[in-house]
Amino acid sequence: MVLASVFSTFSDALSFIVEPQDSRGGPGLKVGGLGELGDLAGNHFLICAVALALAIALAMPLALWLGHLGRAEFLAVSTANVGRAVPALAIIAFCVAFLGTG
């Protein structure tokens, strides 16, 4: 039963990407479809590039400074490990909430 619900949701998402849908914003407005896929992908890549540039601009000077000092190694490694673990924990929490536990 749960598996059918997941596949139904996936099918709806795939249908939204391929076929334009009526918008809730007003009559006659269409959203989604292959026509918007290129624009949305371009916006996504732009947002990712800006986020990556900001992360590099913040992390590189801090990493060079901490590496030069030779201190706070434990703090830097611990922070990086937490940053690696949080997305996986968020996905697990989302799956438990979406699919249920039993």
PDB file of N, CA and C in Angstrom:
ATOM      1  N   MET A   1       0.824  -1.190   0.000  1.00  0.00           N
ATOM      2  CA  MET A   1       0.000   0.000   0.000  1.00  0.00           C
ATOM      3  C   MET A   1       0.865   1.250   0.000  1.00  0.00           C
ATOM      4  N   VAL A   2       1.873   1.272   0.859  1.00  0.00           N
ATOM      5  CA  VAL A   2       2.753   2.431   0.936  1.00  0.00           C
ATOM      6  C   VAL A   2       3.560   2.560  -0.345  1.00  0.00           C
ATOM      7  N   LEU A   3       3.999   1.429  -0.893  1.00  0.00           N
ATOM      8  CA  LEU A   3       4.786   1.444  -2.115  1.00  0.00           C
ATOM      9  C   LEU A   3       3.978   2.020  -3.275  1.00  0.00           C
ATOM     10  N   ALA A   4       2.706   1.694  -3.356  1.00  0.00           N
ATOM     11  CA  ALA A   4       1.846   2.245  -4.399  1.00  0.00           C
ATOM     12  C   ALA A   4       1.718   3.749  -4.244  1.00  0.00           C
ATOM     13  N   SER A   5       1.648   4.228  -3.018  1.00  0.00           N
ATOM     14  CA  SER A   5       1.563   5.662  -2.767  1.00  0.00           C
ATOM     15  C   SER A   5       2.828   6.374  -3.223  1.00  0.00           C
ATOM     16  N   VAL A   6       3.975   5.763  -2.956  1.00  0.00           N
ATOM     17  CA  VAL A   6       5.249   6.361  -3.370  1.00  0.00           C
ATOM     18  C   VAL A   6       5.331   6.420  -4.884  1.00  0.00           C
ATOM     19  N   PHE A   7       4.965   5.335  -5.574  1.00  0.00           N
ATOM     20  CA  PHE A   7       5.025   5.330  -7.027  1.00  0.00           C
ATOM     21  C   PHE A   7       4.015   6.296  -7.627  1.00  0.00           C
ATOM     22  N   SER A   8       2.865   6.456  -6.995  1.00  0.00           N
ATOM     23  CA  SER A   8       1.885   7.422  -7.464  1.00  0.00           C
ATOM     24  C   SER A   8       2.438   8.837  -7.357  1.00  0.00           C
ATOM     25  N   THR A   9       3.099   9.137  -6.250  1.00  0.00           N
ATOM     26  CA  THR A   9       3.700  10.455  -6.069  1.00  0.00           C
ATOM     27  C   THR A   9       4.799  10.681  -7.094  1.00  0.00           C
ATOM     28  N   PHE A  10       5.637   9.672  -7.331  1.00  0.00           N
ATOM     29  CA  PHE A  10       6.704   9.788  -8.317  1.00  0.00           C
ATOM     30  C   PHE A  10       6.125   9.985  -9.710  1.00  0.00           C
ATOM     31  N   SER A  11       5.062   9.270 -10.023  1.00  0.00           N
ATOM     32  CA  SER A  11       4.412   9.404 -11.322  1.00  0.00           C
ATOM     33  C   SER A  11       3.848  10.803 -11.501  1.00  0.00           C
ATOM     34  N   ASP A  12       3.252  11.354 -10.452  1.00  0.00           N
ATOM     35  CA  ASP A  12       2.732  12.721 -10.519  1.00  0.00           C
ATOM     36  C   ASP A  12       3.856  13.726 -10.743  1.00  0.00           C
ATOM     37  N   ALA A  13       4.990  13.528 -10.080  1.00  0.00           N
ATOM     38  CA  ALA A  13       6.124  14.437 -10.249  1.00  0.00           C
ATOM     39  C   ALA A  13       6.667  14.361 -11.670  1.00  0.00           C
ATOM     40  N   LEU A  14       6.780  13.162 -12.207  1.00  0.00           N
ATOM     41  CA  LEU A  14       7.261  12.993 -13.572  1.00  0.00           C
ATOM     42  C   LEU A  14       6.282  13.608 -14.565  1.00  0.00           C
ATOM     43  N   SER A  15       5.008  13.454 -14.320  1.00  0.00           N
ATOM     44  CA  SER A  15       3.988  14.060 -15.165  1.00  0.00           C
ATOM     45  C   SER A  15       4.079  15.582 -15.115  1.00  0.00           C
ATOM     46  N   PHE A  16       4.376  16.144 -13.955  1.00  0.00           N
ATOM     47  CA  PHE A  16       4.510  17.592 -13.813  1.00  0.00           C
ATOM     48  C   PHE A  16       5.694  18.110 -14.626  1.00  0.00           C
ATOM     49  N   ILE A  17       6.771  17.341 -14.670  1.00  0.00           N
ATOM     50  CA  ILE A  17       7.950  17.774 -15.419  1.00  0.00           C
ATOM     51  C   ILE A  17       7.675  17.748 -16.917  1.00  0.00           C
ATOM     52  N   VAL A  18       6.987  16.732 -17.394  1.00  0.00           N
ATOM     53  CA  VAL A  18       6.810  16.535 -18.827  1.00  0.00           C
ATOM     54  C   VAL A  18       5.628  17.325 -19.381  1.00  0.00           C
ATOM     55  N   GLU A  19       4.543  17.407 -18.646  1.00  0.00           N
ATOM     56  CA  GLU A  19       3.322  18.034 -19.151  1.00  0.00           C
ATOM     57  C   GLU A  19       3.013  19.306 -18.371  1.00  0.00           C
ATOM     58  N   PRO A  20       2.681  20.398 -19.073  1.00  0.00           N
ATOM     59  CA  PRO A  20       2.276  21.611 -18.356  1.00  0.00           C
ATOM     60  C   PRO A  20       0.980  21.374 -17.575  1.00  0.00           C
ATOM     61  N   GLN A  21       0.898  21.978 -16.407  1.00  0.00           N
ATOM     62  CA  GLN A  21      -0.277  21.826 -15.546  1.00  0.00           C
ATOM     63  C   GLN A  21      -0.925  23.188 -15.335  1.00  0.00           C
ATOM     64  N   ASP A  22      -2.212  23.187 -15.017  1.00  0.00           N
ATOM     65  CA  ASP A  22      -2.890  24.432 -14.678  1.00  0.00           C
ATOM     66  C   ASP A  22      -2.388  24.928 -13.335  1.00  0.00           C
ATOM     67  N   SER A  23      -2.132  26.226 -13.257  1.00  0.00           N
ATOM     68  CA  SER A  23      -1.631  26.822 -12.021  1.00  0.00           C
ATOM     69  C   SER A  23      -2.785  27.135 -11.087  1.00  0.00           C
ATOM     70  N   ARG A  24      -2.494  27.160  -9.803  1.00  0.00           N
ATOM     71  CA  ARG A  24      -3.489  27.578  -8.821  1.00  0.00           C
ATOM     72  C   ARG A  24      -3.541  29.095  -8.716  1.00  0.00           C
ATOM     73  N   GLY A  25      -2.613  29.777  -9.390  1.00  0.00           N
ATOM     74  CA  GLY A  25      -2.524  31.227  -9.301  1.00  0.00           C
ATOM     75  C   GLY A  25      -3.602  31.953 -10.081  1.00  0.00           C
ATOM     76  N   GLY A  26      -4.235  31.305 -10.993  1.00  0.00           N
ATOM     77  CA  GLY A  26      -5.285  31.953 -11.761  1.00  0.00           C
ATOM     78  C   GLY A  26      -5.633  31.129 -12.984  1.00  0.00           C
ATOM     79  N   PRO A  27      -6.753  31.444 -13.612  1.00  0.00           N
ATOM     80  CA  PRO A  27      -7.166  30.669 -14.780  1.00  0.00           C
ATOM     81  C   PRO A  27      -6.251  30.957 -15.972  1.00  0.00           C
ATOM     82  N   GLY A  28      -5.943  29.920 -16.715  1.00  0.00           N
ATOM     83  CA  GLY A  28      -5.146  30.078 -17.920  1.00  0.00           C
ATOM     84  C   GLY A  28      -3.645  30.081 -17.704  1.00  0.00           C
ATOM     85  N   LEU A  29      -3.184  30.062 -16.476  1.00  0.00           N
ATOM     86  CA  LEU A  29      -1.749  30.030 -16.213  1.00  0.00           C
ATOM     87  C   LEU A  29      -1.266  28.586 -16.212  1.00  0.00           C
ATOM     88  N   LYS A  30      -0.212  28.330 -16.958  1.00  0.00           N
ATOM     89  CA  LYS A  30       0.360  26.987 -17.027  1.00  0.00           C
ATOM     90  C   LYS A  30       1.730  27.002 -16.353  1.00  0.00           C
ATOM     91  N   VAL A  31       2.034  25.942 -15.624  1.00  0.00           N
ATOM     92  CA  VAL A  31       3.348  25.785 -15.001  1.00  0.00           C
ATOM     93  C   VAL A  31       3.866  24.395 -15.320  1.00  0.00           C
ATOM     94  N   GLY A  32       5.194  24.258 -15.278  1.00  0.00           N
ATOM     95  CA  GLY A  32       5.803  22.969 -15.540  1.00  0.00           C
ATOM     96  C   GLY A  32       5.915  22.699 -17.022  1.00  0.00           C
ATOM     97  N   GLY A  33       6.218  21.481 -17.353  1.00  0.00           N
ATOM     98  CA  GLY A  33       6.364  21.089 -18.741  1.00  0.00           C
ATOM     99  C   GLY A  33       7.796  21.210 -19.222  1.00  0.00           C
ATOM    100  N   LEU A  34       8.064  20.587 -20.363  1.00  0.00           N
ATOM    101  CA  LEU A  34       9.417  20.589 -20.905  1.00  0.00           C
ATOM    102  C   LEU A  34       9.858  21.977 -21.343  1.00  0.00           C
ATOM    103  N   GLY A  35       8.915  22.862 -21.664  1.00  0.00           N
ATOM    104  CA  GLY A  35       9.266  24.220 -22.070  1.00  0.00           C
ATOM    105  C   GLY A  35       9.955  25.003 -20.972  1.00  0.00           C
ATOM    106  N   GLU A  36       9.595  24.769 -19.725  1.00  0.00           N
ATOM    107  CA  GLU A  36      10.196  25.478 -18.600  1.00  0.00           C
ATOM    108  C   GLU A  36      11.387  24.739 -18.005  1.00  0.00           C
ATOM    109  N   LEU A  37      11.619  23.514 -18.429  1.00  0.00           N
ATOM    110  CA  LEU A  37      12.670  22.708 -17.823  1.00  0.00           C
ATOM    111  C   LEU A  37      14.046  23.343 -17.995  1.00  0.00           C
ATOM    112  N   GLY A  38      14.340  23.872 -19.171  1.00  0.00           N
ATOM    113  CA  GLY A  38      15.633  24.505 -19.409  1.00  0.00           C
ATOM    114  C   GLY A  38      15.840  25.735 -18.544  1.00  0.00           C
ATOM    115  N   ASP A  39      14.811  26.589 -18.442  1.00  0.00           N
ATOM    116  CA  ASP A  39      14.915  27.789 -17.605  1.00  0.00           C
ATOM    117  C   ASP A  39      15.084  27.427 -16.136  1.00  0.00           C
ATOM    118  N   LEU A  40      14.309  26.461 -15.681  1.00  0.00           N
ATOM    119  CA  LEU A  40      14.413  26.057 -14.279  1.00  0.00           C
ATOM    120  C   LEU A  40      15.762  25.410 -13.983  1.00  0.00           C
ATOM    121  N   ALA A  41      16.270  24.610 -14.914  1.00  0.00           N
ATOM    122  CA  ALA A  41      17.592  23.999 -14.727  1.00  0.00           C
ATOM    123  C   ALA A  41      18.672  25.073 -14.712  1.00  0.00           C
ATOM    124  N   GLY A  42      18.547  26.077 -15.582  1.00  0.00           N
ATOM    125  CA  GLY A  42      19.503  27.181 -15.586  1.00  0.00           C
ATOM    126  C   GLY A  42      19.492  27.948 -14.276  1.00  0.00           C
ATOM    127  N   ASN A  43      18.295  28.219 -13.752  1.00  0.00           N
ATOM    128  CA  ASN A  43      18.190  28.894 -12.452  1.00  0.00           C
ATOM    129  C   ASN A  43      18.802  28.048 -11.346  1.00  0.00           C
ATOM    130  N   HIS A  44      18.565  26.747 -11.404  1.00  0.00           N
ATOM    131  CA  HIS A  44      19.120  25.846 -10.391  1.00  0.00           C
ATOM    132  C   HIS A  44      20.646  25.866 -10.426  1.00  0.00           C
ATOM    133  N   PHE A  45      21.222  25.788 -11.622  1.00  0.00           N
ATOM    134  CA  PHE A  45      22.683  25.803 -11.734  1.00  0.00           C
ATOM    135  C   PHE A  45      23.257  27.138 -11.283  1.00  0.00           C
ATOM    136  N   LEU A  46      22.558  28.235 -11.551  1.00  0.00           N
ATOM    137  CA  LEU A  46      23.017  29.549 -11.097  1.00  0.00           C
ATOM    138  C   LEU A  46      23.021  29.629  -9.575  1.00  0.00           C
ATOM    139  N   ILE A  47      21.957  29.158  -8.950  1.00  0.00           N
ATOM    140  CA  ILE A  47      21.884  29.163  -7.484  1.00  0.00           C
ATOM    141  C   ILE A  47      22.991  28.287  -6.899  1.00  0.00           C
ATOM    142  N   CYS A  48      23.222  27.118  -7.504  1.00  0.00           N
ATOM    143  CA  CYS A  48      24.295  26.231  -7.024  1.00  0.00           C
ATOM    144  C   CYS A  48      25.661  26.882  -7.179  1.00  0.00           C
ATOM    145  N   ALA A  49      25.891  27.561  -8.296  1.00  0.00           N
ATOM    146  CA  ALA A  49      27.185  28.209  -8.522  1.00  0.00           C
ATOM    147  C   ALA A  49      27.414  29.337  -7.522  1.00  0.00           C
ATOM    148  N   VAL A  50      26.382  30.122  -7.240  1.00  0.00           N
ATOM    149  CA  VAL A  50      26.512  31.208  -6.259  1.00  0.00           C
ATOM    150  C   VAL A  50      26.768  30.636  -4.871  1.00  0.00           C
ATOM    151  N   ALA A  51      26.046  29.585  -4.502  1.00  0.00           N
ATOM    152  CA  ALA A  51      26.257  28.962  -3.189  1.00  0.00           C
ATOM    153  C   ALA A  51      27.662  28.385  -3.081  1.00  0.00           C
ATOM    154  N   LEU A  52      28.149  27.760  -4.146  1.00  0.00           N
ATOM    155  CA  LEU A  52      29.503  27.208  -4.138  1.00  0.00           C
ATOM    156  C   LEU A  52      30.545  28.313  -4.030  1.00  0.00           C
ATOM    157  N   ALA A  53      30.347  29.404  -4.763  1.00  0.00           N
ATOM    158  CA  ALA A  53      31.290  30.524  -4.694  1.00  0.00           C
ATOM    159  C   ALA A  53      31.325  31.128  -3.292  1.00  0.00           C
ATOM    160  N   LEU A  54      30.152  31.288  -2.668  1.00  0.00           N
ATOM    161  CA  LEU A  54      30.115  31.819  -1.300  1.00  0.00           C
ATOM    162  C   LEU A  54      30.784  30.866  -0.315  1.00  0.00           C
ATOM    163  N   ALA A  55      30.548  29.575  -0.477  1.00  0.00           N
ATOM    164  CA  ALA A  55      31.165  28.598   0.417  1.00  0.00           C
ATOM    165  C   ALA A  55      32.682  28.612   0.272  1.00  0.00           C
ATOM    166  N   ILE A  56      33.163  28.700  -0.957  1.00  0.00           N
ATOM    167  CA  ILE A  56      34.610  28.755  -1.177  1.00  0.00           C
ATOM    168  C   ILE A  56      35.184  30.045  -0.618  1.00  0.00           C
ATOM    169  N   ALA A  57      34.483  31.163  -0.837  1.00  0.00           N
ATOM    170  CA  ALA A  57      34.972  32.453  -0.347  1.00  0.00           C
ATOM    171  C   ALA A  57      35.038  32.491   1.177  1.00  0.00           C
ATOM    172  N   LEU A  58      34.149  31.785   1.844  1.00  0.00           N
ATOM    173  CA  LEU A  58      34.179  31.754   3.309  1.00  0.00           C
ATOM    174  C   LEU A  58      35.124  30.686   3.851  1.00  0.00           C
ATOM    175  N   ALA A  59      35.124  29.516   3.250  1.00  0.00           N
ATOM    176  CA  ALA A  59      35.857  28.390   3.820  1.00  0.00           C
ATOM    177  C   ALA A  59      37.355  28.423   3.531  1.00  0.00           C
ATOM    178  N   MET A  60      37.746  28.854   2.350  1.00  0.00           N
ATOM    179  CA  MET A  60      39.171  28.813   2.004  1.00  0.00           C
ATOM    180  C   MET A  60      40.023  29.714   2.890  1.00  0.00           C
ATOM    181  N   PRO A  61      39.663  30.986   3.089  1.00  0.00           N
ATOM    182  CA  PRO A  61      40.495  31.798   3.987  1.00  0.00           C
ATOM    183  C   PRO A  61      40.525  31.250   5.414  1.00  0.00           C
ATOM    184  N   LEU A  62      39.381  30.773   5.892  1.00  0.00           N
ATOM    185  CA  LEU A  62      39.333  30.204   7.237  1.00  0.00           C
ATOM    186  C   LEU A  62      40.210  28.955   7.334  1.00  0.00           C
ATOM    187  N   ALA A  63      40.159  28.099   6.323  1.00  0.00           N
ATOM    188  CA  ALA A  63      40.977  26.887   6.328  1.00  0.00           C
ATOM    189  C   ALA A  63      42.466  27.221   6.259  1.00  0.00           C
ATOM    190  N   LEU A  64      42.822  28.181   5.430  1.00  0.00           N
ATOM    191  CA  LEU A  64      44.229  28.575   5.343  1.00  0.00           C
ATOM    192  C   LEU A  64      44.716  29.170   6.657  1.00  0.00           C
ATOM    193  N   TRP A  65      43.886  29.980   7.291  1.00  0.00           N
ATOM    194  CA  TRP A  65      44.259  30.598   8.564  1.00  0.00           C
ATOM    195  C   TRP A  65      44.416  29.538   9.656  1.00  0.00           C
ATOM    196  N   LEU A  66      43.438  28.623   9.749  1.00  0.00           N
ATOM    197  CA  LEU A  66      43.529  27.566  10.756  1.00  0.00           C
ATOM    198  C   LEU A  66      44.707  26.632  10.483  1.00  0.00           C
ATOM    199  N   GLY A  67      44.972  26.352   9.222  1.00  0.00           N
ATOM    200  CA  GLY A  67      46.116  25.514   8.893  1.00  0.00           C
ATOM    201  C   GLY A  67      47.435  26.186   9.229  1.00  0.00           C
ATOM    202  N   HIS A  68      47.492  27.487   9.054  1.00  0.00           N
ATOM    203  CA  HIS A  68      48.713  28.226   9.374  1.00  0.00           C
ATOM    204  C   HIS A  68      48.951  28.265  10.882  1.00  0.00           C
ATOM    205  N   LEU A  69      47.870  28.438  11.653  1.00  0.00           N
ATOM    206  CA  LEU A  69      48.004  28.487  13.107  1.00  0.00           C
ATOM    207  C   LEU A  69      48.346  27.122  13.690  1.00  0.00           C
ATOM    208  N   GLY A  70      47.818  26.073  13.088  1.00  0.00           N
ATOM    209  CA  GLY A  70      48.053  24.730  13.609  1.00  0.00           C
ATOM    210  C   GLY A  70      47.222  24.414  14.836  1.00  0.00           C
ATOM    211  N   ARG A  71      46.235  25.245  15.138  1.00  0.00           N
ATOM    212  CA  ARG A  71      45.354  24.996  16.279  1.00  0.00           C
ATOM    213  C   ARG A  71      43.929  24.787  15.780  1.00  0.00           C
ATOM    214  N   ALA A  72      43.071  24.391  16.669  1.00  0.00           N
ATOM    215  CA  ALA A  72      41.638  24.204  16.393  1.00  0.00           C
ATOM    216  C   ALA A  72      41.387  23.097  15.373  1.00  0.00           C
ATOM    217  N   GLU A  73      42.314  22.148  15.276  1.00  0.00           N
ATOM    218  CA  GLU A  73      42.131  21.041  14.346  1.00  0.00           C
ATOM    219  C   GLU A  73      40.912  20.209  14.724  1.00  0.00           C
ATOM    220  N   PHE A  74      40.759  19.930  16.017  1.00  0.00           N
ATOM    221  CA  PHE A  74      39.627  19.116  16.471  1.00  0.00           C
ATOM    222  C   PHE A  74      38.304  19.808  16.151  1.00  0.00           C
ATOM    223  N   LEU A  75      38.231  21.119  16.369  1.00  0.00           N
ATOM    224  CA  LEU A  75      37.004  21.868  16.081  1.00  0.00           C
ATOM    225  C   LEU A  75      36.686  21.834  14.590  1.00  0.00           C
ATOM    226  N   ALA A  76      37.688  22.036  13.754  1.00  0.00           N
ATOM    227  CA  ALA A  76      37.464  22.045  12.311  1.00  0.00           C
ATOM    228  C   ALA A  76      37.011  20.673  11.809  1.00  0.00           C
ATOM    229  N   VAL A  77      37.664  19.624  12.278  1.00  0.00           N
ATOM    230  CA  VAL A  77      37.304  18.268  11.836  1.00  0.00           C
ATOM    231  C   VAL A  77      35.915  17.894  12.346  1.00  0.00           C
ATOM    232  N   SER A  78      35.612  18.241  13.586  1.00  0.00           N
ATOM    233  CA  SER A  78      34.292  17.931  14.149  1.00  0.00           C
ATOM    234  C   SER A  78      33.190  18.672  13.409  1.00  0.00           C
ATOM    235  N   THR A  79      33.416  19.933  13.093  1.00  0.00           N
ATOM    236  CA  THR A  79      32.423  20.710  12.350  1.00  0.00           C
ATOM    237  C   THR A  79      32.203  20.117  10.962  1.00  0.00           C
ATOM    238  N   ALA A  80      33.278  19.721  10.303  1.00  0.00           N
ATOM    239  CA  ALA A  80      33.149  19.113   8.977  1.00  0.00           C
ATOM    240  C   ALA A  80      32.390  17.790   9.050  1.00  0.00           C
ATOM    241  N   ASN A  81      32.651  16.996  10.068  1.00  0.00           N
ATOM    242  CA  ASN A  81      31.948  15.715  10.205  1.00  0.00           C
ATOM    243  C   ASN A  81      30.464  15.907  10.478  1.00  0.00           C
ATOM    244  N   VAL A  82      30.125  16.899  11.282  1.00  0.00           N
ATOM    245  CA  VAL A  82      28.706  17.200  11.521  1.00  0.00           C
ATOM    246  C   VAL A  82      28.054  17.652  10.220  1.00  0.00           C
ATOM    247  N   GLY A  83      28.758  18.472   9.451  1.00  0.00           N
ATOM    248  CA  GLY A  83      28.232  18.924   8.164  1.00  0.00           C
ATOM    249  C   GLY A  83      28.004  17.785   7.188  1.00  0.00           C
ATOM    250  N   ARG A  84      28.796  16.742   7.292  1.00  0.00           N
ATOM    251  CA  ARG A  84      28.607  15.572   6.429  1.00  0.00           C
ATOM    252  C   ARG A  84      27.458  14.699   6.906  1.00  0.00           C
ATOM    253  N   ALA A  85      27.197  14.663   8.212  1.00  0.00           N
ATOM    254  CA  ALA A  85      26.183  13.759   8.764  1.00  0.00           C
ATOM    255  C   ALA A  85      24.774  14.335   8.702  1.00  0.00           C
ATOM    256  N   VAL A  86      24.638  15.637   8.788  1.00  0.00           N
ATOM    257  CA  VAL A  86      23.310  16.252   8.877  1.00  0.00           C
ATOM    258  C   VAL A  86      22.436  15.950   7.657  1.00  0.00           C
ATOM    259  N   PRO A  87      22.924  16.061   6.405  1.00  0.00           N
ATOM    260  CA  PRO A  87      22.031  15.743   5.278  1.00  0.00           C
ATOM    261  C   PRO A  87      21.500  14.313   5.307  1.00  0.00           C
ATOM    262  N   ALA A  88      22.335  13.358   5.685  1.00  0.00           N
ATOM    263  CA  ALA A  88      21.871  11.968   5.757  1.00  0.00           C
ATOM    264  C   ALA A  88      20.802  11.810   6.831  1.00  0.00           C
ATOM    265  N   LEU A  89      20.994  12.448   7.967  1.00  0.00           N
ATOM    266  CA  LEU A  89      19.986  12.376   9.032  1.00  0.00           C
ATOM    267  C   LEU A  89      18.686  13.049   8.605  1.00  0.00           C
ATOM    268  N   ALA A  90      18.789  14.136   7.855  1.00  0.00           N
ATOM    269  CA  ALA A  90      17.582  14.812   7.374  1.00  0.00           C
ATOM    270  C   ALA A  90      16.816  13.927   6.397  1.00  0.00           C
ATOM    271  N   ILE A  91      17.520  13.218   5.536  1.00  0.00           N
ATOM    272  CA  ILE A  91      16.854  12.315   4.591  1.00  0.00           C
ATOM    273  C   ILE A  91      16.183  11.172   5.336  1.00  0.00           C
ATOM    274  N   ILE A  92      16.844  10.635   6.345  1.00  0.00           N
ATOM    275  CA  ILE A  92      16.238   9.565   7.142  1.00  0.00           C
ATOM    276  C   ILE A  92      14.974  10.071   7.832  1.00  0.00           C
ATOM    277  N   ALA A  93      15.035  11.259   8.423  1.00  0.00           N
ATOM    278  CA  ALA A  93      13.860  11.821   9.103  1.00  0.00           C
ATOM    279  C   ALA A  93      12.730  12.075   8.109  1.00  0.00           C
ATOM    280  N   PHE A  94      13.056  12.571   6.923  1.00  0.00           N
ATOM    281  CA  PHE A  94      12.036  12.810   5.905  1.00  0.00           C
ATOM    282  C   PHE A  94      11.383  11.500   5.476  1.00  0.00           C
ATOM    283  N   CYS A  95      12.191  10.470   5.252  1.00  0.00           N
ATOM    284  CA  CYS A  95      11.641   9.177   4.835  1.00  0.00           C
ATOM    285  C   CYS A  95      10.763   8.560   5.915  1.00  0.00           C
ATOM    286  N   VAL A  96      11.168   8.681   7.171  1.00  0.00           N
ATOM    287  CA  VAL A  96      10.345   8.148   8.260  1.00  0.00           C
ATOM    288  C   VAL A  96       9.022   8.901   8.326  1.00  0.00           C
ATOM    289  N   ALA A  97       9.074  10.223   8.175  1.00  0.00           N
ATOM    290  CA  ALA A  97       7.837  11.007   8.230  1.00  0.00           C
ATOM    291  C   ALA A  97       6.948  10.730   7.019  1.00  0.00           C
ATOM    292  N   PHE A  98       7.548  10.558   5.845  1.00  0.00           N
ATOM    293  CA  PHE A  98       6.772  10.377   4.625  1.00  0.00           C
ATOM    294  C   PHE A  98       6.239   8.952   4.496  1.00  0.00           C
ATOM    295  N   LEU A  99       7.089   7.973   4.759  1.00  0.00           N
ATOM    296  CA  LEU A  99       6.696   6.575   4.567  1.00  0.00           C
ATOM    297  C   LEU A  99       6.095   5.942   5.809  1.00  0.00           C
ATOM    298  N   GLY A 100       6.385   6.501   6.965  1.00  0.00           N
ATOM    299  CA  GLY A 100       5.909   5.914   8.212  1.00  0.00           C
ATOM    300  C   GLY A 100       6.915   4.908   8.743  1.00  0.00           C
ATOM    301  N   THR A 101       6.691   4.477   9.956  1.00  0.00           N
ATOM    302  CA  THR A 101       7.644   3.556  10.574  1.00  0.00           C
ATOM    303  C   THR A 101       7.131   2.126  10.629  1.00  0.00           C
ATOM    304  N   GLY A 102       5.909   1.877  10.307  1.00  0.00           N
ATOM    305  CA  GLY A 102       5.423   0.513  10.444  1.00  0.00           C
ATOM    306  C   GLY A 102       4.495   0.179   9.385  1.00  0.00           C
TER     307      GLY A 102
END
